[in-house]
Protein backbone atom coordinates (compact mmCIF):
# COMPACT_ATOMS: atom_id res chain seq x y z
CA MET A 1 0.00 0.00 0.00
CA GLN A 2 3.01 2.28 0.46
CA LEU A 3 4.01 4.67 -2.29
CA ARG A 4 7.50 4.58 -3.66
CA GLN A 5 10.05 6.79 -1.91
CA GLN A 6 10.24 9.28 -4.76
CA HIS A 7 6.52 9.97 -4.46
CA ARG A 8 6.49 10.65 -0.73
CA GLN A 9 7.79 14.20 -0.72
CA CYS A 10 5.51 15.13 -3.64
CA LEU A 11 2.49 13.75 -1.83
CA LEU A 12 3.22 15.58 1.42
CA THR A 13 3.84 18.87 -0.41
CA ILE A 14 0.56 18.66 -2.33
CA LEU A 15 -1.51 17.65 0.64
CA CYS A 16 -0.06 20.34 2.86
CA ALA A 17 -0.79 22.98 0.22
CA LEU A 18 -4.39 21.87 -0.02
CA GLY A 19 -4.89 21.42 3.70
CA LEU A 20 -5.90 17.82 3.09
CA ALA A 21 -5.40 14.64 5.10
CA ALA A 22 -4.28 16.51 8.21
CA CYS A 23 -1.11 17.94 6.65
CA SER A 24 -2.10 21.56 7.24
CA SER A 25 -0.75 21.61 10.77
CA LEU A 26 2.29 20.44 12.70
CA PRO A 27 2.00 17.44 15.02
CA ASN A 28 -0.02 18.28 18.09
CA ASN A 29 1.32 17.20 21.45
CA GLY A 30 -2.13 17.51 23.01
CA THR A 31 -3.93 15.11 20.70
CA PRO A 32 -7.69 14.71 21.16
CA ASN A 33 -8.74 11.74 23.25
CA ALA A 34 -5.17 10.45 23.17
CA PRO A 35 -4.68 7.41 25.44
CA SER A 36 -2.49 7.92 28.48
CA ALA A 37 0.99 6.48 28.63
CA SER A 38 -0.25 3.91 31.12
CA SER A 39 -2.83 2.55 28.66
CA ARG A 40 -2.07 -0.91 27.35
CA THR A 41 -2.57 -2.34 23.90
CA SER A 42 -5.62 -4.60 23.94
CA SER A 43 -4.96 -8.29 23.42
CA ASN A 44 -8.23 -8.40 21.48
CA TYR A 45 -6.71 -6.47 18.56
CA PRO A 46 -4.40 -7.91 15.90
CA ALA A 47 -0.69 -7.35 16.42
CA LEU A 48 0.42 -4.79 13.84
CA PRO A 49 3.87 -3.47 12.91
CA PRO A 50 4.43 -0.13 14.67
CA ALA A 51 3.93 3.20 12.95
CA GLY A 52 6.89 4.29 10.85
CA SER A 53 8.32 0.77 10.55
CA GLY A 54 7.59 0.59 6.84
CA ARG A 55 6.32 -2.96 7.30
CA GLY A 56 2.58 -2.35 7.65
CA GLY A 57 -0.19 -2.48 5.11
CA TYR A 58 -1.11 1.08 5.92
CA TYR A 59 -0.36 4.38 4.27
CA LEU A 60 3.29 5.52 4.02
CA ASP A 61 4.81 5.64 7.52
CA ASP A 62 1.44 5.64 9.24
CA GLY A 63 0.21 3.00 11.66
CA PRO A 64 -1.54 2.23 14.95
CA GLY A 65 -1.10 4.21 18.16
CA ASP A 66 1.54 3.24 20.71
CA ASN A 67 -1.01 2.59 23.47
CA ILE A 68 -4.35 1.59 22.03
CA PRO A 69 -7.24 1.86 24.50
CA ASP A 70 -9.46 -1.12 25.17
CA GLY A 71 -13.09 -1.24 24.15
CA LEU A 72 -12.77 0.40 20.73
CA GLU A 73 -14.91 -2.33 19.20
CA ASN A 74 -17.75 -1.01 21.36
CA VAL A 75 -17.44 2.64 20.28
CA PRO A 76 -20.88 3.72 18.96
CA ASP A 77 -21.31 4.62 15.32
CA ALA A 78 -21.44 8.28 14.37
CA VAL A 79 -24.92 9.71 15.03
CA PRO A 80 -26.15 11.17 11.73
CA LYS A 81 -27.65 14.63 11.59
CA VAL A 82 -28.26 17.11 8.80
CA GLU A 83 -25.54 19.75 8.93
CA PRO A 84 -24.70 22.76 6.76
CA TYR A 85 -21.68 22.15 4.56
CA ALA A 86 -18.37 23.46 5.81
CA ARG A 87 -16.98 26.60 4.18
CA ARG A 88 -13.69 24.81 3.55
CA GLY A 89 -12.95 21.45 1.98
CA ASN A 90 -15.81 21.43 -0.54
CA SER A 91 -14.21 23.24 -3.50
CA PRO A 92 -12.81 21.39 -6.54
CA TYR A 93 -9.14 20.45 -6.16
CA THR A 94 -6.41 18.53 -8.00
CA VAL A 95 -4.01 15.90 -6.62
CA PHE A 96 -1.50 13.98 -8.77
CA GLY A 97 -3.06 15.47 -11.88
CA VAL A 98 -6.54 14.18 -11.02
CA ARG A 99 -9.28 16.75 -10.50
CA TYR A 100 -11.84 16.02 -7.80
CA VAL A 101 -15.20 17.80 -7.61
CA PRO A 102 -16.85 17.33 -4.19
CA ILE A 103 -20.61 16.80 -4.08
CA VAL A 104 -22.38 19.90 -2.75
CA ASP A 105 -26.02 18.87 -3.07
CA ASP A 106 -28.28 16.02 -1.94
CA LYS A 107 -27.40 13.70 -4.80
CA PRO A 108 -27.38 9.97 -3.93
CA TYR A 109 -23.98 8.26 -3.80
CA LYS A 110 -23.22 4.54 -3.58
CA GLN A 111 -19.92 3.03 -4.64
CA ARG A 112 -17.98 -0.19 -4.21
CA GLY A 113 -14.22 -0.29 -4.08
CA TYR A 114 -11.30 -0.64 -1.72
CA GLY A 115 -11.05 1.32 1.51
CA SER A 116 -7.99 1.86 3.67
CA TRP A 117 -7.45 3.46 7.09
CA TYR A 118 -5.22 6.10 8.62
CA GLY A 119 -4.01 6.53 12.17
CA LYS A 120 -1.12 7.81 14.27
CA LYS A 121 0.60 9.86 11.58
CA PHE A 122 -2.36 12.25 11.37
CA HIS A 123 -3.82 11.88 14.86
CA GLY A 124 -4.35 15.34 16.37
CA GLN A 125 -3.70 17.21 13.13
CA LYS A 126 -6.21 19.26 11.17
CA THR A 127 -8.54 17.57 8.73
CA SER A 128 -9.84 19.26 5.59
CA SER A 129 -12.82 20.49 7.60
CA GLY A 130 -10.54 22.24 10.10
CA GLU A 131 -11.43 19.77 12.85
CA LEU A 132 -8.68 17.77 14.54
CA TYR A 133 -8.40 14.17 13.42
CA ASP A 134 -9.09 11.62 16.16
CA MET A 135 -8.25 8.07 15.10
CA TYR A 136 -10.40 6.71 17.92
CA LYS A 137 -13.63 8.30 16.65
CA MET A 138 -15.96 7.13 13.88
CA THR A 139 -14.87 9.39 11.03
CA ALA A 140 -13.60 9.01 7.47
CA ALA A 141 -11.96 10.78 4.54
CA SER A 142 -13.56 10.75 1.08
CA PRO A 143 -12.34 12.34 -2.14
CA VAL A 144 -15.81 13.61 -3.10
CA LEU A 145 -18.47 13.22 -0.38
CA PRO A 146 -19.54 16.53 1.20
CA ILE A 147 -17.86 17.82 4.34
CA PRO A 148 -19.54 17.17 6.67
CA SER A 149 -21.80 14.28 5.69
CA TYR A 150 -22.51 10.74 6.85
CA ALA A 151 -22.06 7.39 5.13
CA ARG A 152 -22.94 3.78 5.80
CA VAL A 153 -19.92 1.60 5.07
CA THR A 154 -20.19 -2.18 4.60
CA ASN A 155 -17.31 -4.66 4.55
CA LEU A 156 -18.33 -6.91 1.64
CA SER A 157 -16.26 -9.84 2.92
CA ASN A 158 -18.02 -10.19 6.28
CA GLY A 159 -21.18 -8.06 6.09
CA ARG A 160 -20.22 -5.77 8.97
CA GLN A 161 -21.56 -2.21 8.78
CA VAL A 162 -20.69 1.12 10.42
CA ILE A 163 -21.84 4.72 10.07
CA VAL A 164 -19.09 7.33 9.87
CA ARG A 165 -18.92 11.10 9.62
CA ILE A 166 -17.01 12.45 6.60
CA ASN A 167 -14.74 15.31 7.71
CA ASP A 168 -11.57 14.88 5.63
CA ARG A 169 -10.27 14.41 2.07
CA GLY A 170 -8.48 11.36 0.68
CA PRO A 171 -7.37 8.74 -0.23
CA PHE A 172 -5.78 9.65 -3.56
CA ARG A 173 -5.16 6.31 -5.25
CA SER A 174 -7.28 5.16 -8.17
CA ASN A 175 -8.43 1.97 -6.47
CA ARG A 176 -9.31 3.58 -3.12
CA ILE A 177 -12.71 5.14 -2.41
CA ILE A 178 -12.50 5.94 1.31
CA ASP A 179 -10.07 6.20 4.22
CA LEU A 180 -11.59 5.20 7.56
CA SER A 181 -10.40 6.05 11.04
CA TYR A 182 -8.52 3.35 12.94
CA THR A 183 -11.60 2.56 15.05
CA ALA A 184 -13.99 2.36 12.09
CA ALA A 185 -11.66 -0.05 10.27
CA LEU A 186 -11.29 -2.08 13.44
CA LYS A 187 -15.07 -2.43 13.78
CA LEU A 188 -15.32 -3.51 10.15
CA GLY A 189 -12.70 -6.20 10.75
CA TYR A 190 -9.93 -5.20 8.35
CA ILE A 191 -7.51 -3.31 10.60
CA GLY A 192 -4.93 -6.08 10.23
CA HIS A 193 -5.18 -6.21 6.42
CA GLY A 194 -4.74 -2.51 5.73
CA SER A 195 -7.59 -2.44 3.21
CA ALA A 196 -10.79 -4.24 2.27
CA GLU A 197 -13.47 -4.20 -0.41
CA LEU A 198 -16.21 -1.92 0.86
CA GLU A 199 -19.53 -0.44 -0.15
CA VAL A 200 -19.98 3.24 0.71
CA GLU A 201 -23.48 4.71 0.70
CA ARG A 202 -24.18 8.32 1.53
CA LEU A 203 -26.96 9.02 4.03
CA LEU A 204 -29.25 11.68 2.56
CA PRO A 205 -31.47 13.94 4.70
CA SER A 206 -34.43 11.58 4.19
CA ASP A 207 -32.29 8.63 5.38
CA ILE A 208 -31.15 10.59 8.41
CA GLU A 209 -34.72 11.50 9.29
CA GLN A 210 -35.66 7.84 9.14
CA ILE A 211 -32.79 6.94 11.48
CA GLN A 212 -33.73 9.74 13.87
CA ALA A 213 -37.40 8.70 13.87
CA ALA A 214 -36.43 5.08 14.60
CA ALA A 215 -34.18 6.17 17.47
CA LYS A 216 -36.92 8.38 18.85
CA GLY A 217 -39.39 5.51 18.60
CA LYS A 218 -37.04 3.20 20.52
CA ALA A 219 -36.55 5.82 23.21
CA LEU A 220 -40.30 6.20 23.61
CA ALA A 221 -40.81 2.43 23.72
CA ALA A 222 -38.17 2.13 26.43
CA SER A 223 -39.73 4.84 28.52
CA ALA A 224 -41.86 3.75 31.46
CA ALA A 225 -44.32 6.57 30.86
CA PRO A 226 -47.42 5.29 29.03
CA ALA A 227 -48.23 8.69 27.57
CA ALA A 228 -48.68 8.90 23.82
CA PRO A 229 -46.09 10.75 21.71
CA ALA A 230 -46.44 14.53 21.70
CA SER A 231 -47.12 14.57 17.97
CA ASP A 232 -47.65 12.19 15.09
CA GLU A 233 -44.17 13.06 13.87
CA VAL A 234 -42.75 10.08 15.77
CA GLY A 235 -42.33 7.13 13.48
CA MET A 236 -43.43 9.12 10.43
CA PRO A 237 -41.72 7.75 7.32
CA SER A 238 -39.11 9.99 5.78
CA VAL A 239 -40.18 12.18 2.91
CA ASP A 240 -38.61 11.44 -0.47
CA VAL A 241 -38.28 14.86 -2.07
CA ALA A 242 -38.38 13.38 -5.55
CA SER A 243 -41.80 11.84 -4.89
CA LEU A 244 -43.45 14.88 -3.36
CA ALA A 245 -46.41 16.26 -5.24
CA PRO A 246 -46.67 20.06 -5.26
CA VAL A 247 -48.63 20.93 -2.16
CA PRO A 248 -49.57 24.61 -1.77
CA LEU A 249 -49.03 25.98 1.72
CA PRO A 250 -52.30 27.23 3.29
CA ALA A 251 -52.69 30.97 2.88
CA ALA A 252 -52.79 31.53 6.60
CA ALA A 253 -50.71 28.90 8.38
CA SER A 254 -51.02 29.42 12.12
CA SER A 255 -47.28 29.37 12.75
CA SER A 256 -46.35 31.51 9.75
CA PRO A 257 -45.58 35.14 10.61
CA ALA A 258 -47.30 36.46 7.45
CA THR A 259 -49.19 35.34 4.37
CA PRO A 260 -46.67 34.62 1.58
CA ALA A 261 -46.71 36.95 -1.40
CA ALA A 262 -48.69 35.69 -4.38
CA GLY A 263 -46.71 34.16 -7.20
CA PHE A 264 -44.83 31.02 -8.19
CA TYR A 265 -42.41 29.28 -5.81
CA LEU A 266 -39.87 26.47 -6.00
CA GLN A 267 -40.44 23.76 -3.40
CA PHE A 268 -37.18 21.98 -2.54
CA GLY A 269 -38.35 19.45 0.00
CA ALA A 270 -40.36 18.63 3.10
CA TYR A 271 -39.03 17.35 6.41
CA THR A 272 -40.57 16.11 9.63
CA GLN A 273 -38.10 18.04 11.78
CA MET A 274 -37.53 21.78 11.66
CA ALA A 275 -33.79 21.44 12.37
CA ASN A 276 -33.26 19.22 9.35
CA ALA A 277 -35.20 21.55 7.07
CA GLU A 278 -33.18 24.55 8.31
CA ALA A 279 -29.90 22.73 7.74
CA VAL A 280 -30.86 21.85 4.15
CA ARG A 281 -32.04 25.41 3.57
CA ALA A 282 -28.66 26.69 4.75
CA ARG A 283 -26.87 24.32 2.37
CA LEU A 284 -29.02 25.44 -0.55
CA ALA A 285 -28.35 29.07 0.36
CA GLN A 286 -24.59 28.42 0.30
CA THR A 287 -24.82 27.11 -3.26
CA PHE A 288 -27.72 29.02 -4.82
CA GLY A 289 -28.29 31.97 -2.50
CA SER A 290 -27.00 34.52 -4.99
CA SER A 291 -29.12 33.23 -7.89
CA LEU A 292 -32.45 32.46 -6.20
CA PRO A 293 -35.07 34.49 -4.35
CA PRO A 294 -35.02 34.09 -0.54
CA LEU A 295 -35.11 30.50 0.74
CA THR A 296 -37.50 29.96 3.63
CA VAL A 297 -38.75 27.09 5.79
CA GLU A 298 -42.49 27.08 6.40
CA PRO A 299 -44.63 24.62 8.41
CA SER A 300 -47.56 22.84 6.81
CA SER A 301 -49.45 19.68 7.83
CA ASN A 302 -46.81 18.53 10.34
CA LEU A 303 -44.06 19.01 7.76
CA PHE A 304 -41.50 21.77 7.22
CA ARG A 305 -41.21 22.73 3.56
CA ILE A 306 -38.42 24.66 1.86
CA TYR A 307 -39.52 27.35 -0.60
CA SER A 308 -37.80 29.90 -2.82
CA GLY A 309 -39.80 32.74 -4.33
CA PRO A 310 -41.87 34.41 -5.43
CA PHE A 311 -41.23 34.35 -9.18
CA ALA A 312 -43.30 36.61 -11.44
CA SER A 313 -44.31 33.78 -13.80
CA ARG A 314 -44.27 30.02 -14.13
CA GLU A 315 -41.77 30.36 -16.98
CA GLU A 316 -39.35 32.27 -14.72
CA ALA A 317 -39.74 29.66 -11.98
CA SER A 318 -39.23 26.83 -14.49
CA SER A 319 -36.04 28.45 -15.80
CA ALA A 320 -34.66 28.74 -12.27
CA ALA A 321 -35.57 25.10 -11.54
CA SER A 322 -33.71 23.97 -14.67
CA GLN A 323 -30.62 25.95 -13.66
CA VAL A 324 -30.66 24.31 -10.23
CA GLN A 325 -30.91 20.88 -11.85
CA GLN A 326 -28.08 21.65 -14.28
CA ALA A 327 -25.93 22.57 -11.30
CA GLY A 328 -26.33 19.01 -10.03
CA ALA A 329 -29.16 19.35 -7.50
CA SER A 330 -32.53 17.63 -7.61
CA LYS A 331 -35.04 19.64 -9.64
CA PRO A 332 -37.53 21.41 -7.34
CA PHE A 333 -41.28 21.50 -7.87
CA ILE A 334 -43.10 24.63 -9.00
CA VAL A 335 -45.92 25.69 -6.67
CA GLN A 336 -48.37 28.52 -7.24
CA ARG A 337 -49.40 30.33 -4.08
């Protein structure tokens, strides 16, 4: 898995210039969640060559930590939530002559290929998102998935699955599709092999809502209180934006501050939770805010819908919808209000 010696300096120079794969900062003595010197390496984990030995199946002179804490196989998966995209790490970039264009919309993504892992060499250094890399958390680096976003990763050889949070860029080899943290690779069962054939599937806002609803349902079921849920939002199936029929918002919604101006609007989606709708609205504003009328979130029938408008005519709204689609996003519906 190691690159030849003559490529090493080139790789480090490029990655440092781009602020990718934790090369944008010097090693940090106060690494996040670093195990204490008294911690012992768990006998439950495979014995690996130490970092920097040049004998491991991992990247360059990377490798496991010196004192690996016990219990990493029990670390919970990342908890998905809809987040605005980071202001850094999502612009097109080039490494080794290959141009990468990160996804900046809610386009589905599922890919099979080989995944690797990275550890001590980058532990405590800045990721492409600006966050510090922690090899003992459930995170990952992807060449193209949005920062931040969440993905379900499956080891195709044993069926194990994890959910990770994407907060870094890499790997940059043609046959690699993702770089997992040490802990994520450990939970998938390939820490001792260096790489494995994986399936990576992005979790879209509708998927995240479904996961959140299921977790909320389990919490309610486990509660001793027999009271019914506060609203029928609990357990409500996620809303597939592509299947939504145009539903006009009532002219005088009780929670709306004012009646919307008459005209044509683009409807981008509907969500069961206000926080998720606001996060998607913020992401749309980052990408299309300068070319669309104001984006707003408005409640209607226990859903929170995202609108942009008004447009003076259906033709004007249709033209804007086509431009959004050409930019790579799902085409919104046109709603007359």
